[in-house]
Amino acid sequence: MGQQFSLSEAFRMAEDIEANGFDFYIQNAKASRDKSVKALFTALAEKEKVHQAIFAGFRKEYCGEKDVHWVDPDDQAAAYIRTVADNHVFNLNKDISSLVASVQTPESAIRMAIGFEKDTIVFFTAIRDAVRDENRDKVDLLIREEYEHIRILQEELDKLEK
């Protein structure tokens, strides 16, 4: 029998990814000596915290007490999702501190963050394809949130590069 994949688990993974993003941004804020850069990273960290709470709310609202499962008869979707998660910029196996240490400029941190957000969209798209049709619109809510993150980050990058 194939592996079951739950919508609740998808939302929980989204919460974990946002928590890693928060850690990345808050560590960058602490490492920065420039007041404006520190403020930028602090604001981005707070956005990640808010998004984590939004995704927790989605999980509570859409999953409630019962969990929604989809059966993956050949385990292909589950294997794909694991692969995408393992290759995510901020996967749970990576040391966020080493990523922060590799950042040379505020621009490079924002570029890394944009990569994180793009990876997250790919991850959520894989999840969307693995849940039942009637739940795909809920995962689309997550994807729209990530597009908004990219827009905000790109605006900040544009300001810094002027």
C-alpha atoms as a PDB file:
ATOM      1  CA  MET A   1       0.000   0.000   0.000  1.00  0.00           C
ATOM      2  CA  GLY A   2       1.184   3.480  -0.782  1.00  0.00           C
ATOM      3  CA  GLN A   3       2.106   6.163   1.654  1.00  0.00           C
ATOM      4  CA  GLN A   4      -0.563   8.515   2.933  1.00  0.00           C
ATOM      5  CA  PHE A   5       0.061  12.206   2.572  1.00  0.00           C
ATOM      6  CA  SER A   6      -1.900  14.617   4.682  1.00  0.00           C
ATOM      7  CA  LEU A   7      -2.913  18.198   4.051  1.00  0.00           C
ATOM      8  CA  SER A   8      -2.201  18.890   7.713  1.00  0.00           C
ATOM      9  CA  GLU A   9       1.366  17.621   7.220  1.00  0.00           C
ATOM     10  CA  ALA A  10       1.739  19.913   4.218  1.00  0.00           C
ATOM     11  CA  PHE A  11       0.721  22.923   6.289  1.00  0.00           C
ATOM     12  CA  ARG A  12       3.020  21.795   9.126  1.00  0.00           C
ATOM     13  CA  MET A  13       5.957  21.553   6.690  1.00  0.00           C
ATOM     14  CA  ALA A  14       5.123  25.070   5.502  1.00  0.00           C
ATOM     15  CA  GLU A  15       5.262  26.256   9.109  1.00  0.00           C
ATOM     16  CA  ASP A  16       8.686  24.623   9.527  1.00  0.00           C
ATOM     17  CA  ILE A  17      10.005  26.257   6.352  1.00  0.00           C
ATOM     18  CA  GLU A  18       8.783  29.655   7.543  1.00  0.00           C
ATOM     19  CA  ALA A  19      10.432  29.062  10.935  1.00  0.00           C
ATOM     20  CA  ASN A  20      13.735  28.406   9.146  1.00  0.00           C
ATOM     21  CA  GLY A  21      13.249  31.607   7.155  1.00  0.00           C
ATOM     22  CA  PHE A  22      12.651  33.472  10.413  1.00  0.00           C
ATOM     23  CA  ASP A  23      15.894  32.055  11.837  1.00  0.00           C
ATOM     24  CA  PHE A  24      17.801  33.094   8.714  1.00  0.00           C
ATOM     25  CA  TYR A  25      16.491  36.654   8.784  1.00  0.00           C
ATOM     26  CA  ILE A  26      16.850  37.170  12.531  1.00  0.00           C
ATOM     27  CA  GLN A  27      20.433  35.868  12.474  1.00  0.00           C
ATOM     28  CA  ASN A  28      21.221  38.226   9.595  1.00  0.00           C
ATOM     29  CA  ALA A  29      19.688  41.095  11.582  1.00  0.00           C
ATOM     30  CA  LYS A  30      21.854  40.255  14.588  1.00  0.00           C
ATOM     31  CA  ALA A  31      24.990  39.974  12.434  1.00  0.00           C
ATOM     32  CA  SER A  32      24.458  43.292  10.654  1.00  0.00           C
ATOM     33  CA  ARG A  33      26.207  46.427  11.860  1.00  0.00           C
ATOM     34  CA  ASP A  34      24.278  48.751   9.571  1.00  0.00           C
ATOM     35  CA  LYS A  35      21.104  50.086  11.232  1.00  0.00           C
ATOM     36  CA  SER A  36      19.035  50.147   8.051  1.00  0.00           C
ATOM     37  CA  VAL A  37      20.080  46.617   7.079  1.00  0.00           C
ATOM     38  CA  LYS A  38      19.375  45.410  10.613  1.00  0.00           C
ATOM     39  CA  ALA A  39      15.890  46.944  10.351  1.00  0.00           C
ATOM     40  CA  LEU A  40      15.289  45.309   6.966  1.00  0.00           C
ATOM     41  CA  PHE A  41      16.198  41.826   8.212  1.00  0.00           C
ATOM     42  CA  THR A  42      14.211  42.305  11.418  1.00  0.00           C
ATOM     43  CA  ALA A  43      11.165  43.254   9.346  1.00  0.00           C
ATOM     44  CA  LEU A  44      11.654  40.240   7.073  1.00  0.00           C
ATOM     45  CA  ALA A  45      11.970  37.977  10.132  1.00  0.00           C
ATOM     46  CA  GLU A  46       8.701  39.333  11.470  1.00  0.00           C
ATOM     47  CA  LYS A  47       7.019  38.661   8.117  1.00  0.00           C
ATOM     48  CA  GLU A  48       8.179  35.041   8.299  1.00  0.00           C
ATOM     49  CA  LYS A  49       6.786  34.788  11.831  1.00  0.00           C
ATOM     50  CA  VAL A  50       3.445  36.178  10.659  1.00  0.00           C
ATOM     51  CA  HIS A  51       3.366  33.804   7.688  1.00  0.00           C
ATOM     52  CA  GLN A  52       4.147  30.867   9.966  1.00  0.00           C
ATOM     53  CA  ALA A  53       1.099  31.844  12.038  1.00  0.00           C
ATOM     54  CA  ILE A  54      -1.007  32.200   8.885  1.00  0.00           C
ATOM     55  CA  PHE A  55      -0.077  28.693   7.801  1.00  0.00           C
ATOM     56  CA  ALA A  56      -0.855  27.362  11.294  1.00  0.00           C
ATOM     57  CA  GLY A  57      -4.242  29.063  10.944  1.00  0.00           C
ATOM     58  CA  PHE A  58      -4.773  27.440   7.545  1.00  0.00           C
ATOM     59  CA  ARG A  59      -3.999  24.061   9.111  1.00  0.00           C
ATOM     60  CA  LYS A  60      -6.468  24.647  11.931  1.00  0.00           C
ATOM     61  CA  GLU A  61      -9.167  26.071   9.651  1.00  0.00           C
ATOM     62  CA  TYR A  62      -8.910  23.537   6.843  1.00  0.00           C
ATOM     63  CA  CYS A  63      -7.932  20.417   8.758  1.00  0.00           C
ATOM     64  CA  GLY A  64      -9.570  20.945  12.134  1.00  0.00           C
ATOM     65  CA  GLU A  65      -9.755  17.842  14.269  1.00  0.00           C
ATOM     66  CA  LYS A  66      -9.711  15.477  11.312  1.00  0.00           C
ATOM     67  CA  ASP A  67      -6.830  15.145   8.939  1.00  0.00           C
ATOM     68  CA  VAL A  68      -7.194  14.943   5.182  1.00  0.00           C
ATOM     69  CA  HIS A  69      -5.162  12.142   3.565  1.00  0.00           C
ATOM     70  CA  TRP A  70      -4.371  11.240   0.018  1.00  0.00           C
ATOM     71  CA  VAL A  71      -2.997   7.833  -0.840  1.00  0.00           C
ATOM     72  CA  ASP A  72       0.039   7.703  -3.099  1.00  0.00           C
ATOM     73  CA  PRO A  73      -0.155   4.139  -4.485  1.00  0.00           C
ATOM     74  CA  ASP A  74       3.375   4.057  -5.913  1.00  0.00           C
ATOM     75  CA  ASP A  75       4.979   6.385  -3.343  1.00  0.00           C
ATOM     76  CA  GLN A  76       6.094   8.603  -6.240  1.00  0.00           C
ATOM     77  CA  ALA A  77       4.549  11.824  -4.959  1.00  0.00           C
ATOM     78  CA  ALA A  78       5.920  11.268  -1.453  1.00  0.00           C
ATOM     79  CA  ALA A  79       9.404  10.556  -2.849  1.00  0.00           C
ATOM     80  CA  TYR A  80       9.239  13.692  -5.002  1.00  0.00           C
ATOM     81  CA  ILE A  81       8.144  15.841  -2.067  1.00  0.00           C
ATOM     82  CA  ARG A  82      10.958  14.461   0.096  1.00  0.00           C
ATOM     83  CA  THR A  83      13.474  15.227  -2.668  1.00  0.00           C
ATOM     84  CA  VAL A  84      12.203  18.789  -3.080  1.00  0.00           C
ATOM     85  CA  ALA A  85      12.268  19.332   0.695  1.00  0.00           C
ATOM     86  CA  ASP A  86      15.796  17.920   0.993  1.00  0.00           C
ATOM     87  CA  ASN A  87      17.017  20.321  -1.687  1.00  0.00           C
ATOM     88  CA  HIS A  88      15.211  23.372  -0.318  1.00  0.00           C
ATOM     89  CA  VAL A  89      17.513  26.287   0.521  1.00  0.00           C
ATOM     90  CA  PHE A  90      16.356  26.220   4.164  1.00  0.00           C
ATOM     91  CA  ASN A  91      15.694  22.534   4.689  1.00  0.00           C
ATOM     92  CA  LEU A  92      15.717  21.244   8.243  1.00  0.00           C
ATOM     93  CA  ASN A  93      19.055  19.481   7.739  1.00  0.00           C
ATOM     94  CA  LYS A  94      20.974  22.656   6.924  1.00  0.00           C
ATOM     95  CA  ASP A  95      22.656  24.833   9.489  1.00  0.00           C
ATOM     96  CA  ILE A  96      21.103  28.287   9.148  1.00  0.00           C
ATOM     97  CA  SER A  97      24.117  29.836  10.927  1.00  0.00           C
ATOM     98  CA  SER A  98      26.469  28.647   8.182  1.00  0.00           C
ATOM     99  CA  LEU A  99      24.167  30.139   5.542  1.00  0.00           C
ATOM    100  CA  VAL A 100      24.165  33.463   7.400  1.00  0.00           C
ATOM    101  CA  ALA A 101      27.957  33.350   7.663  1.00  0.00           C
ATOM    102  CA  SER A 102      28.175  32.937   3.882  1.00  0.00           C
ATOM    103  CA  VAL A 103      26.247  36.183   3.277  1.00  0.00           C
ATOM    104  CA  GLN A 104      28.574  39.005   2.251  1.00  0.00           C
ATOM    105  CA  THR A 105      26.160  41.886   1.644  1.00  0.00           C
ATOM    106  CA  PRO A 106      22.528  42.787   2.266  1.00  0.00           C
ATOM    107  CA  GLU A 107      21.943  42.263  -1.455  1.00  0.00           C
ATOM    108  CA  SER A 108      23.324  38.722  -1.297  1.00  0.00           C
ATOM    109  CA  ALA A 109      21.107  37.969   1.707  1.00  0.00           C
ATOM    110  CA  ILE A 110      18.055  39.186  -0.195  1.00  0.00           C
ATOM    111  CA  ARG A 111      19.045  37.172  -3.260  1.00  0.00           C
ATOM    112  CA  MET A 112      19.375  34.092  -1.032  1.00  0.00           C
ATOM    113  CA  ALA A 113      15.952  34.876   0.449  1.00  0.00           C
ATOM    114  CA  ILE A 114      14.434  35.151  -3.034  1.00  0.00           C
ATOM    115  CA  GLY A 115      15.937  31.731  -3.789  1.00  0.00           C
ATOM    116  CA  PHE A 116      14.356  30.445  -0.579  1.00  0.00           C
ATOM    117  CA  GLU A 117      10.964  31.780  -1.607  1.00  0.00           C
ATOM    118  CA  LYS A 118      11.267  30.285  -5.095  1.00  0.00           C
ATOM    119  CA  ASP A 119      12.235  26.921  -3.605  1.00  0.00           C
ATOM    120  CA  THR A 120       9.226  27.189  -1.335  1.00  0.00           C
ATOM    121  CA  ILE A 121       6.912  27.735  -4.304  1.00  0.00           C
ATOM    122  CA  VAL A 122       8.332  24.609  -5.957  1.00  0.00           C
ATOM    123  CA  PHE A 123       7.872  22.694  -2.691  1.00  0.00           C
ATOM    124  CA  PHE A 124       4.274  23.834  -2.257  1.00  0.00           C
ATOM    125  CA  THR A 125       3.521  23.056  -5.905  1.00  0.00           C
ATOM    126  CA  ALA A 126       4.726  19.486  -5.284  1.00  0.00           C
ATOM    127  CA  ILE A 127       2.488  19.317  -2.233  1.00  0.00           C
ATOM    128  CA  ARG A 128      -0.457  20.703  -4.202  1.00  0.00           C
ATOM    129  CA  ASP A 129      -0.018  17.934  -6.740  1.00  0.00           C
ATOM    130  CA  ALA A 130      -0.009  15.345  -3.952  1.00  0.00           C
ATOM    131  CA  VAL A 131      -3.224  16.295  -2.174  1.00  0.00           C
ATOM    132  CA  ARG A 132      -6.792  15.585  -3.196  1.00  0.00           C
ATOM    133  CA  ASP A 133      -8.292  17.841  -5.829  1.00  0.00           C
ATOM    134  CA  GLU A 134     -10.705  19.432  -3.354  1.00  0.00           C
ATOM    135  CA  ASN A 135      -7.753  20.578  -1.215  1.00  0.00           C
ATOM    136  CA  ARG A 136      -5.535  22.033  -3.917  1.00  0.00           C
ATOM    137  CA  ASP A 137      -7.036  25.496  -3.599  1.00  0.00           C
ATOM    138  CA  LYS A 138      -5.910  25.553   0.034  1.00  0.00           C
ATOM    139  CA  VAL A 139      -2.317  24.853  -0.959  1.00  0.00           C
ATOM    140  CA  ASP A 140      -2.675  27.550  -3.616  1.00  0.00           C
ATOM    141  CA  LEU A 141      -3.207  29.995  -0.730  1.00  0.00           C
ATOM    142  CA  LEU A 142       0.288  29.108   0.488  1.00  0.00           C
ATOM    143  CA  ILE A 143       1.743  29.583  -2.966  1.00  0.00           C
ATOM    144  CA  ARG A 144       0.161  33.034  -3.304  1.00  0.00           C
ATOM    145  CA  GLU A 145       1.704  34.005   0.054  1.00  0.00           C
ATOM    146  CA  GLU A 146       5.156  33.017  -1.238  1.00  0.00           C
ATOM    147  CA  TYR A 147       4.708  35.066  -4.425  1.00  0.00           C
ATOM    148  CA  GLU A 148       3.982  38.036  -2.178  1.00  0.00           C
ATOM    149  CA  HIS A 149       7.226  37.377  -0.262  1.00  0.00           C
ATOM    150  CA  ILE A 150       9.175  37.486  -3.539  1.00  0.00           C
ATOM    151  CA  ARG A 151       7.528  40.762  -4.527  1.00  0.00           C
ATOM    152  CA  ILE A 152       8.467  42.381  -1.213  1.00  0.00           C
ATOM    153  CA  LEU A 153      12.030  41.075  -1.366  1.00  0.00           C
ATOM    154  CA  GLN A 154      12.478  42.238  -4.950  1.00  0.00           C
ATOM    155  CA  GLU A 155      11.279  45.731  -4.016  1.00  0.00           C
ATOM    156  CA  GLU A 156      13.842  45.834  -1.201  1.00  0.00           C
ATOM    157  CA  LEU A 157      16.581  44.572  -3.502  1.00  0.00           C
ATOM    158  CA  ASP A 158      15.715  47.235  -6.056  1.00  0.00           C
ATOM    159  CA  LYS A 159      16.002  49.938  -3.368  1.00  0.00           C
ATOM    160  CA  LEU A 160      19.424  48.678  -2.275  1.00  0.00           C
ATOM    161  CA  GLU A 161      20.765  48.476  -5.823  1.00  0.00           C
ATOM    162  CA  LYS A 162      19.849  52.067  -6.702  1.00  0.00           C
END
